Protein backbone atom coordinates (compact mmCIF):
# COMPACT_ATOMS: atom_id res chain seq x y z
CA MET A 1 122.79 39.88 166.23
CA ARG A 2 121.96 42.86 164.06
CA HIS A 3 118.35 44.02 163.87
CA THR A 4 116.94 45.96 160.95
CA ASN A 5 113.70 47.81 160.74
CA MET A 6 111.62 46.08 158.10
CA PHE A 7 108.74 48.52 158.35
CA ILE A 8 109.94 51.87 157.10
CA HIS A 9 107.23 54.48 156.66
CA HIS A 10 106.99 55.79 153.12
CA SER A 11 104.85 58.87 152.69
CA THR A 12 103.07 59.33 149.40
CA PRO A 13 102.31 62.79 148.08
CA ALA A 14 98.94 64.24 147.22
CA LEU A 15 98.30 65.24 143.62
CA SER A 16 98.35 68.91 144.65
CA GLU A 17 101.86 68.47 146.14
CA VAL A 18 103.09 66.89 142.93
CA LYS A 19 101.54 69.68 140.83
CA ASN A 20 103.18 72.34 143.02
CA TYR A 21 106.57 70.61 142.81
CA PHE A 22 106.42 70.27 139.03
CA SER A 23 105.29 73.88 138.69
CA SER A 24 108.21 75.08 140.82
CA ARG A 25 110.55 73.22 138.46
CA GLY A 26 109.00 74.72 135.31
CA ALA A 27 107.34 71.50 134.17
CA PRO A 28 103.82 71.40 132.71
CA GLU A 29 100.89 70.32 134.85
CA GLN A 30 100.10 67.42 132.50
CA GLU A 31 103.50 65.91 133.33
CA ALA A 32 102.70 66.19 137.04
CA VAL A 33 99.39 64.41 136.57
CA ALA A 34 101.01 61.68 134.44
CA PHE A 35 103.78 61.18 137.02
CA PHE A 36 101.31 60.99 139.88
CA PHE A 37 99.04 58.41 138.28
CA VAL A 38 101.89 56.24 136.98
CA TYR A 39 103.38 55.93 140.44
CA GLU A 40 99.99 55.72 142.16
CA CYS A 41 99.23 52.67 139.98
CA ARG A 42 102.59 51.21 140.95
CA HIS A 43 101.82 51.85 144.64
CA TRP A 44 104.82 54.19 144.76
CA ARG A 45 107.29 51.46 143.89
CA ALA A 46 110.17 51.62 141.46
CA ARG A 47 110.34 49.27 138.49
CA ARG A 48 112.20 46.65 140.49
CA GLY A 49 109.53 46.62 143.18
CA HIS A 50 111.25 48.64 145.90
CA PHE A 51 109.40 51.48 147.58
CA ILE A 52 110.44 54.91 146.37
CA LYS A 53 112.34 56.58 149.20
CA SER A 54 112.09 60.11 147.84
CA TRP A 55 109.30 60.90 145.42
CA LYS A 56 110.87 64.32 144.77
CA THR A 57 114.07 62.73 143.49
CA THR A 58 112.04 60.46 141.23
CA ALA A 59 109.95 63.43 140.09
CA LEU A 60 113.04 65.48 139.31
CA ARG A 61 114.35 62.69 137.09
CA TRP A 62 110.92 62.52 135.36
CA ILE A 63 110.98 66.30 134.81
CA GLN A 64 114.49 66.21 133.36
CA TYR A 65 113.52 63.52 130.84
CA ALA A 66 110.27 65.32 129.97
CA LEU A 67 112.02 68.65 129.36
CA LEU A 68 114.76 66.93 127.35
CA ALA A 69 112.13 65.22 125.19
CA GLN A 70 110.41 68.58 124.65
CA ALA A 71 113.67 70.24 123.64
CA THR A 72 114.62 67.53 121.17
CA ALA A 73 111.12 67.46 119.64
CA ALA A 74 111.17 71.21 118.93
C-alpha cells in the first residue's frame, strides 16, 4: 500500500519579500502589491484551487505578463 503525505507545508511570503523579488526583476512596486493581495485573498491557491507550490514561479509569470502589457501599451 502506497502512502502519500496529504499535509505538505506551503510557506507564504511576506509583502516585503514579494516587493524585493519584483524589484530584483525590474517590475514596479504596484505590481508586487497587486500580486500579493490577489494571492493573499485566494489563500495562496491557484485558480483551480490547488496550493501554489512556488510563489516565485507564479510571481515571475505575473511579472512577464505585466511587462508585456506595459510594452504593448506604449
